[in-house]
């Protein structure tokens, strides 16, 4: 998990290093693409991720699997956990 945080941090640092980029927004300090994804419900925050993670773990238990989680195979099913 630490690698995911490090990669996200690196990507955002690289993105904001180029101050001439037209994809930046001043509000929230987020790239326009991220802000749009949040608004459209296609970008999930940490709280939403935790809900999805718990649902995937529950999926594995319900199916009697020995692995820790059963990942969603469709984005729609994953996002349905958040509603």
PDB file of N, CA and C in Angstrom:
ATOM      1  N   UNK A   1       0.821  -1.195   0.000  1.00  0.00           N
ATOM      2  CA  UNK A   1       0.000   0.000   0.000  1.00  0.00           C
ATOM      3  C   UNK A   1       0.862   1.254   0.000  1.00  0.00           C
ATOM      4  N   UNK A   2       1.989   1.167   0.691  1.00  0.00           N
ATOM      5  CA  UNK A   2       2.878   2.327   0.749  1.00  0.00           C
ATOM      6  C   UNK A   2       3.326   2.739  -0.652  1.00  0.00           C
ATOM      7  N   UNK A   3       3.564   1.762  -1.523  1.00  0.00           N
ATOM      8  CA  UNK A   3       3.983   2.077  -2.889  1.00  0.00           C
ATOM      9  C   UNK A   3       2.913   2.878  -3.633  1.00  0.00           C
ATOM     10  N   UNK A   4       1.647   2.573  -3.397  1.00  0.00           N
ATOM     11  CA  UNK A   4       0.560   3.300  -4.056  1.00  0.00           C
ATOM     12  C   UNK A   4       0.552   4.763  -3.620  1.00  0.00           C
ATOM     13  N   UNK A   5       0.750   4.998  -2.321  1.00  0.00           N
ATOM     14  CA  UNK A   5       0.798   6.375  -1.827  1.00  0.00           C
ATOM     15  C   UNK A   5       2.006   7.107  -2.413  1.00  0.00           C
ATOM     16  N   UNK A   6       3.135   6.438  -2.458  1.00  0.00           N
ATOM     17  CA  UNK A   6       4.351   7.060  -2.980  1.00  0.00           C
ATOM     18  C   UNK A   6       4.180   7.396  -4.463  1.00  0.00           C
ATOM     19  N   UNK A   7       3.590   6.484  -5.216  1.00  0.00           N
ATOM     20  CA  UNK A   7       3.374   6.730  -6.639  1.00  0.00           C
ATOM     21  C   UNK A   7       2.415   7.895  -6.855  1.00  0.00           C
ATOM     22  N   UNK A   8       1.327   7.920  -6.081  1.00  0.00           N
ATOM     23  CA  UNK A   8       0.370   9.028  -6.201  1.00  0.00           C
ATOM     24  C   UNK A   8       1.035  10.358  -5.878  1.00  0.00           C
ATOM     25  N   UNK A   9       1.828  10.370  -4.821  1.00  0.00           N
ATOM     26  CA  UNK A   9       2.536  11.585  -4.441  1.00  0.00           C
ATOM     27  C   UNK A   9       3.487  12.034  -5.549  1.00  0.00           C
ATOM     28  N   UNK A  10       4.203  11.097  -6.136  1.00  0.00           N
ATOM     29  CA  UNK A  10       5.129  11.424  -7.220  1.00  0.00           C
ATOM     30  C   UNK A  10       4.379  11.969  -8.441  1.00  0.00           C
ATOM     31  N   UNK A  11       3.267  11.339  -8.778  1.00  0.00           N
ATOM     32  CA  UNK A  11       2.501  11.801  -9.940  1.00  0.00           C
ATOM     33  C   UNK A  11       1.978  13.218  -9.735  1.00  0.00           C
ATOM     34  N   UNK A  12       1.425  13.485  -8.562  1.00  0.00           N
ATOM     35  CA  UNK A  12       0.906  14.825  -8.304  1.00  0.00           C
ATOM     36  C   UNK A  12       2.031  15.847  -8.222  1.00  0.00           C
ATOM     37  N   UNK A  13       3.172  15.466  -7.653  1.00  0.00           N
ATOM     38  CA  UNK A  13       4.321  16.379  -7.596  1.00  0.00           C
ATOM     39  C   UNK A  13       4.798  16.722  -8.997  1.00  0.00           C
ATOM     40  N   UNK A  14       4.890  15.708  -9.851  1.00  0.00           N
ATOM     41  CA  UNK A  14       5.289  15.952 -11.243  1.00  0.00           C
ATOM     42  C   UNK A  14       4.277  16.839 -11.946  1.00  0.00           C
ATOM     43  N   UNK A  15       3.014  16.580 -11.698  1.00  0.00           N
ATOM     44  CA  UNK A  15       1.958  17.349 -12.357  1.00  0.00           C
ATOM     45  C   UNK A  15       2.042  18.826 -11.980  1.00  0.00           C
ATOM     46  N   UNK A  16       2.212  19.098 -10.692  1.00  0.00           N
ATOM     47  CA  UNK A  16       2.224  20.480 -10.239  1.00  0.00           C
ATOM     48  C   UNK A  16       3.572  21.162 -10.437  1.00  0.00           C
ATOM     49  N   UNK A  17       4.611  20.410 -10.793  1.00  0.00           N
ATOM     50  CA  UNK A  17       5.919  21.013 -11.043  1.00  0.00           C
ATOM     51  C   UNK A  17       5.884  21.883 -12.295  1.00  0.00           C
ATOM     52  N   UNK A  18       5.050  21.526 -13.247  1.00  0.00           N
ATOM     53  CA  UNK A  18       4.926  22.292 -14.489  1.00  0.00           C
ATOM     54  C   UNK A  18       3.823  23.334 -14.313  1.00  0.00           C
ATOM     55  N   UNK A  19       4.185  24.524 -13.910  1.00  0.00           N
ATOM     56  CA  UNK A  19       3.192  25.550 -13.617  1.00  0.00           C
ATOM     57  C   UNK A  19       2.506  26.089 -14.863  1.00  0.00           C
ATOM     58  N   UNK A  20       3.042  25.776 -16.035  1.00  0.00           N
ATOM     59  CA  UNK A  20       2.418  26.263 -17.269  1.00  0.00           C
ATOM     60  C   UNK A  20       1.311  25.329 -17.758  1.00  0.00           C
ATOM     61  N   UNK A  21       1.130  24.188 -17.090  1.00  0.00           N
ATOM     62  CA  UNK A  21       0.131  23.214 -17.529  1.00  0.00           C
ATOM     63  C   UNK A  21      -1.268  23.807 -17.443  1.00  0.00           C
ATOM     64  N   UNK A  22      -2.081  23.532 -18.433  1.00  0.00           N
ATOM     65  CA  UNK A  22      -3.446  24.067 -18.460  1.00  0.00           C
ATOM     66  C   UNK A  22      -4.425  23.160 -17.721  1.00  0.00           C
ATOM     67  N   UNK A  23      -3.958  22.061 -17.151  1.00  0.00           N
ATOM     68  CA  UNK A  23      -4.867  21.123 -16.495  1.00  0.00           C
ATOM     69  C   UNK A  23      -4.953  21.337 -14.994  1.00  0.00           C
ATOM     70  N   UNK A  24      -4.314  22.359 -14.476  1.00  0.00           N
ATOM     71  CA  UNK A  24      -4.333  22.596 -13.030  1.00  0.00           C
ATOM     72  C   UNK A  24      -5.516  23.473 -12.630  1.00  0.00           C
ATOM     73  N   UNK A  25      -5.990  23.235 -11.426  1.00  0.00           N
ATOM     74  CA  UNK A  25      -7.001  24.114 -10.862  1.00  0.00           C
ATOM     75  C   UNK A  25      -6.446  24.713  -9.580  1.00  0.00           C
ATOM     76  N   UNK A  26      -6.806  25.917  -9.288  1.00  0.00           N
ATOM     77  CA  UNK A  26      -6.358  26.568  -8.067  1.00  0.00           C
ATOM     78  C   UNK A  26      -7.126  26.012  -6.873  1.00  0.00           C
ATOM     79  N   UNK A  27      -8.451  25.866  -7.036  1.00  0.00           N
ATOM     80  CA  UNK A  27      -9.260  25.364  -5.930  1.00  0.00           C
ATOM     81  C   UNK A  27      -8.845  23.946  -5.574  1.00  0.00           C
ATOM     82  N   UNK A  28      -8.706  23.675  -4.307  1.00  0.00           N
ATOM     83  CA  UNK A  28      -8.332  22.374  -3.767  1.00  0.00           C
ATOM     84  C   UNK A  28      -6.904  21.959  -4.114  1.00  0.00           C
ATOM     85  N   UNK A  29      -6.232  22.658  -5.019  1.00  0.00           N
ATOM     86  CA  UNK A  29      -4.905  22.242  -5.436  1.00  0.00           C
ATOM     87  C   UNK A  29      -4.914  20.938  -6.210  1.00  0.00           C
ATOM     88  N   UNK A  30      -6.054  20.589  -6.772  1.00  0.00           N
ATOM     89  CA  UNK A  30      -6.179  19.327  -7.508  1.00  0.00           C
ATOM     90  C   UNK A  30      -6.113  19.580  -9.010  1.00  0.00           C
ATOM     91  N   UNK A  31      -5.550  18.605  -9.753  1.00  0.00           N
ATOM     92  CA  UNK A  31      -5.618  18.710 -11.220  1.00  0.00           C
ATOM     93  C   UNK A  31      -7.088  18.704 -11.653  1.00  0.00           C
ATOM     94  N   UNK A  32      -7.378  19.382 -12.721  1.00  0.00           N
ATOM     95  CA  UNK A  32      -8.755  19.476 -13.209  1.00  0.00           C
ATOM     96  C   UNK A  32      -9.366  18.101 -13.453  1.00  0.00           C
ATOM     97  N   UNK A  33      -8.553  17.153 -13.941  1.00  0.00           N
ATOM     98  CA  UNK A  33      -9.055  15.808 -14.219  1.00  0.00           C
ATOM     99  C   UNK A  33      -9.514  15.114 -12.940  1.00  0.00           C
ATOM    100  N   UNK A  34      -8.773  15.312 -11.853  1.00  0.00           N
ATOM    101  CA  UNK A  34      -9.138  14.703 -10.579  1.00  0.00           C
ATOM    102  C   UNK A  34     -10.408  15.355 -10.036  1.00  0.00           C
ATOM    103  N   UNK A  35     -10.474  16.669 -10.082  1.00  0.00           N
ATOM    104  CA  UNK A  35     -11.660  17.384  -9.607  1.00  0.00           C
ATOM    105  C   UNK A  35     -12.897  16.948 -10.389  1.00  0.00           C
ATOM    106  N   UNK A  36     -12.754  16.793 -11.693  1.00  0.00           N
ATOM    107  CA  UNK A  36     -13.871  16.360 -12.538  1.00  0.00           C
ATOM    108  C   UNK A  36     -14.265  14.918 -12.191  1.00  0.00           C
ATOM    109  N   UNK A  37     -13.288  14.059 -11.957  1.00  0.00           N
ATOM    110  CA  UNK A  37     -13.559  12.669 -11.596  1.00  0.00           C
ATOM    111  C   UNK A  37     -14.285  12.555 -10.272  1.00  0.00           C
ATOM    112  N   UNK A  38     -13.923  13.401  -9.310  1.00  0.00           N
ATOM    113  CA  UNK A  38     -14.613  13.408  -8.024  1.00  0.00           C
ATOM    114  C   UNK A  38     -16.060  13.846  -8.220  1.00  0.00           C
ATOM    115  N   UNK A  39     -16.237  14.913  -8.990  1.00  0.00           N
ATOM    116  CA  UNK A  39     -17.584  15.437  -9.248  1.00  0.00           C
ATOM    117  C   UNK A  39     -18.450  14.395  -9.962  1.00  0.00           C
ATOM    118  N   UNK A  40     -17.861  13.676 -10.903  1.00  0.00           N
ATOM    119  CA  UNK A  40     -18.598  12.668 -11.679  1.00  0.00           C
ATOM    120  C   UNK A  40     -18.731  11.335 -10.949  1.00  0.00           C
ATOM    121  N   UNK A  41     -18.130  11.217  -9.771  1.00  0.00           N
ATOM    122  CA  UNK A  41     -18.215   9.978  -9.013  1.00  0.00           C
ATOM    123  C   UNK A  41     -17.324   8.870  -9.530  1.00  0.00           C
ATOM    124  N   UNK A  42     -16.285   9.238 -10.286  1.00  0.00           N
ATOM    125  CA  UNK A  42     -15.385   8.233 -10.852  1.00  0.00           C
ATOM    126  C   UNK A  42     -14.040   8.176 -10.133  1.00  0.00           C
ATOM    127  N   UNK A  43     -13.810   9.096  -9.223  1.00  0.00           N
ATOM    128  CA  UNK A  43     -12.608   9.089  -8.405  1.00  0.00           C
ATOM    129  C   UNK A  43     -13.051   8.837  -6.969  1.00  0.00           C
ATOM    130  N   UNK A  44     -12.418   7.871  -6.341  1.00  0.00           N
ATOM    131  CA  UNK A  44     -12.800   7.447  -5.000  1.00  0.00           C
ATOM    132  C   UNK A  44     -11.756   7.919  -4.005  1.00  0.00           C
ATOM    133  N   UNK A  45     -12.208   8.527  -2.915  1.00  0.00           N
ATOM    134  CA  UNK A  45     -11.313   8.964  -1.854  1.00  0.00           C
ATOM    135  C   UNK A  45     -10.945   7.809  -0.934  1.00  0.00           C
ATOM    136  N   UNK A  46     -10.187   8.106   0.089  1.00  0.00           N
ATOM    137  CA  UNK A  46      -9.707   7.084   1.010  1.00  0.00           C
ATOM    138  C   UNK A  46     -10.847   6.399   1.755  1.00  0.00           C
ATOM    139  N   UNK A  47     -11.849   7.150   2.159  1.00  0.00           N
ATOM    140  CA  UNK A  47     -12.993   6.562   2.869  1.00  0.00           C
ATOM    141  C   UNK A  47     -13.733   5.585   1.944  1.00  0.00           C
ATOM    142  N   UNK A  48     -13.944   6.000   0.696  1.00  0.00           N
ATOM    143  CA  UNK A  48     -14.597   5.124  -0.276  1.00  0.00           C
ATOM    144  C   UNK A  48     -13.772   3.896  -0.571  1.00  0.00           C
ATOM    145  N   UNK A  49     -12.457   4.084  -0.688  1.00  0.00           N
ATOM    146  CA  UNK A  49     -11.568   2.955  -0.927  1.00  0.00           C
ATOM    147  C   UNK A  49     -11.676   1.941   0.215  1.00  0.00           C
ATOM    148  N   UNK A  50     -11.741   2.418   1.461  1.00  0.00           N
ATOM    149  CA  UNK A  50     -11.836   1.522   2.614  1.00  0.00           C
ATOM    150  C   UNK A  50     -13.124   0.701   2.554  1.00  0.00           C
ATOM    151  N   UNK A  51     -14.229   1.314   2.120  1.00  0.00           N
ATOM    152  CA  UNK A  51     -15.493   0.588   1.982  1.00  0.00           C
ATOM    153  C   UNK A  51     -15.381  -0.500   0.909  1.00  0.00           C
ATOM    154  N   UNK A  52     -14.755  -0.157  -0.200  1.00  0.00           N
ATOM    155  CA  UNK A  52     -14.571  -1.130  -1.282  1.00  0.00           C
ATOM    156  C   UNK A  52     -13.668  -2.265  -0.811  1.00  0.00           C
ATOM    157  N   UNK A  53     -12.605  -1.928  -0.098  1.00  0.00           N
ATOM    158  CA  UNK A  53     -11.672  -2.931   0.423  1.00  0.00           C
ATOM    159  C   UNK A  53     -12.400  -3.913   1.340  1.00  0.00           C
ATOM    160  N   UNK A  54     -13.228  -3.397   2.240  1.00  0.00           N
ATOM    161  CA  UNK A  54     -13.981  -4.261   3.152  1.00  0.00           C
ATOM    162  C   UNK A  54     -14.964  -5.146   2.385  1.00  0.00           C
ATOM    163  N   UNK A  55     -15.606  -4.593   1.366  1.00  0.00           N
ATOM    164  CA  UNK A  55     -16.540  -5.379   0.559  1.00  0.00           C
ATOM    165  C   UNK A  55     -15.814  -6.511  -0.169  1.00  0.00           C
ATOM    166  N   UNK A  56     -14.616  -6.239  -0.676  1.00  0.00           N
ATOM    167  CA  UNK A  56     -13.848  -7.277  -1.362  1.00  0.00           C
ATOM    168  C   UNK A  56     -13.429  -8.380  -0.390  1.00  0.00           C
ATOM    169  N   UNK A  57     -13.064  -7.996   0.821  1.00  0.00           N
ATOM    170  CA  UNK A  57     -12.730  -9.005   1.829  1.00  0.00           C
ATOM    171  C   UNK A  57     -13.960  -9.843   2.174  1.00  0.00           C
ATOM    172  N   UNK A  58     -15.108  -9.168   2.284  1.00  0.00           N
ATOM    173  CA  UNK A  58     -16.355  -9.880   2.549  1.00  0.00           C
ATOM    174  C   UNK A  58     -16.722 -10.826   1.415  1.00  0.00           C
ATOM    175  N   UNK A  59     -16.457 -10.421   0.177  1.00  0.00           N
ATOM    176  CA  UNK A  59     -16.727 -11.279  -0.979  1.00  0.00           C
ATOM    177  C   UNK A  59     -15.952 -12.589  -0.867  1.00  0.00           C
ATOM    178  N   UNK A  60     -14.695 -12.517  -0.475  1.00  0.00           N
ATOM    179  CA  UNK A  60     -13.863 -13.716  -0.350  1.00  0.00           C
ATOM    180  C   UNK A  60     -14.390 -14.620   0.762  1.00  0.00           C
ATOM    181  N   UNK A  61     -14.777 -14.033   1.892  1.00  0.00           N
ATOM    182  CA  UNK A  61     -15.295 -14.831   3.011  1.00  0.00           C
ATOM    183  C   UNK A  61     -16.599 -15.526   2.630  1.00  0.00           C
ATOM    184  N   UNK A  62     -17.503 -14.780   1.974  1.00  0.00           N
ATOM    185  CA  UNK A  62     -18.797 -15.368   1.581  1.00  0.00           C
ATOM    186  C   UNK A  62     -18.613 -16.535   0.619  1.00  0.00           C
ATOM    187  N   UNK A  63     -17.597 -16.441  -0.232  1.00  0.00           N
ATOM    188  CA  UNK A  63     -17.347 -17.509  -1.208  1.00  0.00           C
ATOM    189  C   UNK A  63     -16.502 -18.635  -0.618  1.00  0.00           C
ATOM    190  N   UNK A  64     -16.060 -18.468   0.626  1.00  0.00           N
ATOM    191  CA  UNK A  64     -15.254 -19.501   1.275  1.00  0.00           C
ATOM    192  C   UNK A  64     -13.851 -19.631   0.698  1.00  0.00           C
ATOM    193  N   UNK A  65     -13.347 -18.544   0.151  1.00  0.00           N
ATOM    194  CA  UNK A  65     -12.018 -18.563  -0.454  1.00  0.00           C
ATOM    195  C   UNK A  65     -10.939 -18.427   0.622  1.00  0.00           C
ATOM    196  N   UNK A  66      -9.759 -18.938   0.322  1.00  0.00           N
ATOM    197  CA  UNK A  66      -8.651 -18.824   1.276  1.00  0.00           C
ATOM    198  C   UNK A  66      -7.854 -17.544   1.083  1.00  0.00           C
ATOM    199  N   UNK A  67      -8.070 -16.868  -0.035  1.00  0.00           N
ATOM    200  CA  UNK A  67      -7.349 -15.613  -0.246  1.00  0.00           C
ATOM    201  C   UNK A  67      -8.018 -14.480   0.523  1.00  0.00           C
ATOM    202  N   UNK A  68      -7.284 -13.393   0.737  1.00  0.00           N
ATOM    203  CA  UNK A  68      -7.758 -12.291   1.575  1.00  0.00           C
ATOM    204  C   UNK A  68      -8.961 -11.568   0.995  1.00  0.00           C
ATOM    205  N   UNK A  69      -8.994 -11.371  -0.319  1.00  0.00           N
ATOM    206  CA  UNK A  69     -10.091 -10.617  -0.929  1.00  0.00           C
ATOM    207  C   UNK A  69     -10.414 -11.177  -2.300  1.00  0.00           C
ATOM    208  N   UNK A  70     -11.642 -10.945  -2.710  1.00  0.00           N
ATOM    209  CA  UNK A  70     -12.086 -11.256  -4.067  1.00  0.00           C
ATOM    210  C   UNK A  70     -12.380  -9.925  -4.728  1.00  0.00           C
ATOM    211  N   UNK A  71     -11.523  -9.529  -5.661  1.00  0.00           N
ATOM    212  CA  UNK A  71     -11.630  -8.218  -6.301  1.00  0.00           C
ATOM    213  C   UNK A  71     -12.868  -8.148  -7.186  1.00  0.00           C
ATOM    214  N   UNK A  72     -13.428  -6.954  -7.271  1.00  0.00           N
ATOM    215  CA  UNK A  72     -14.532  -6.717  -8.197  1.00  0.00           C
ATOM    216  C   UNK A  72     -13.992  -6.788  -9.614  1.00  0.00           C
ATOM    217  N   UNK A  73     -14.795  -7.291 -10.530  1.00  0.00           N
ATOM    218  CA  UNK A  73     -14.370  -7.364 -11.927  1.00  0.00           C
ATOM    219  C   UNK A  73     -15.037  -6.292 -12.787  1.00  0.00           C
ATOM    220  N   UNK A  74     -16.022  -5.621 -12.210  1.00  0.00           N
ATOM    221  CA  UNK A  74     -16.701  -4.543 -12.939  1.00  0.00           C
ATOM    222  C   UNK A  74     -16.683  -3.280 -12.093  1.00  0.00           C
ATOM    223  N   UNK A  75     -16.345  -2.170 -12.708  1.00  0.00           N
ATOM    224  CA  UNK A  75     -16.292  -0.888 -12.002  1.00  0.00           C
ATOM    225  C   UNK A  75     -17.659  -0.556 -11.412  1.00  0.00           C
ATOM    226  N   UNK A  76     -18.723  -0.845 -12.148  1.00  0.00           N
ATOM    227  CA  UNK A  76     -20.072  -0.540 -11.677  1.00  0.00           C
ATOM    228  C   UNK A  76     -20.365  -1.246 -10.351  1.00  0.00           C
ATOM    229  N   UNK A  77     -19.936  -2.512 -10.227  1.00  0.00           N
ATOM    230  CA  UNK A  77     -20.156  -3.267  -8.988  1.00  0.00           C
ATOM    231  C   UNK A  77     -19.354  -2.663  -7.840  1.00  0.00           C
ATOM    232  N   UNK A  78     -18.145  -2.250  -8.136  1.00  0.00           N
ATOM    233  CA  UNK A  78     -17.274  -1.649  -7.128  1.00  0.00           C
ATOM    234  C   UNK A  78     -17.888  -0.329  -6.628  1.00  0.00           C
ATOM    235  N   UNK A  79     -18.319   0.516  -7.535  1.00  0.00           N
ATOM    236  CA  UNK A  79     -18.881   1.814  -7.151  1.00  0.00           C
ATOM    237  C   UNK A  79     -20.238   1.673  -6.468  1.00  0.00           C
ATOM    238  N   UNK A  80     -20.948   0.570  -6.735  1.00  0.00           N
ATOM    239  CA  UNK A  80     -22.246   0.344  -6.104  1.00  0.00           C
ATOM    240  C   UNK A  80     -22.095   0.205  -4.588  1.00  0.00           C
ATOM    241  N   UNK A  81     -20.938  -0.223  -4.131  1.00  0.00           N
ATOM    242  CA  UNK A  81     -20.665  -0.355  -2.692  1.00  0.00           C
ATOM    243  C   UNK A  81     -20.760   1.020  -2.015  1.00  0.00           C
ATOM    244  N   UNK A  82     -20.485   2.070  -2.738  1.00  0.00           N
ATOM    245  CA  UNK A  82     -20.440   3.415  -2.174  1.00  0.00           C
ATOM    246  C   UNK A  82     -21.810   4.071  -2.066  1.00  0.00           C
ATOM    247  N   UNK A  83     -22.812   3.501  -2.738  1.00  0.00           N
ATOM    248  CA  UNK A  83     -24.132   4.146  -2.704  1.00  0.00           C
ATOM    249  C   UNK A  83     -25.018   3.588  -1.624  1.00  0.00           C
TER     250      UNK A  83
END
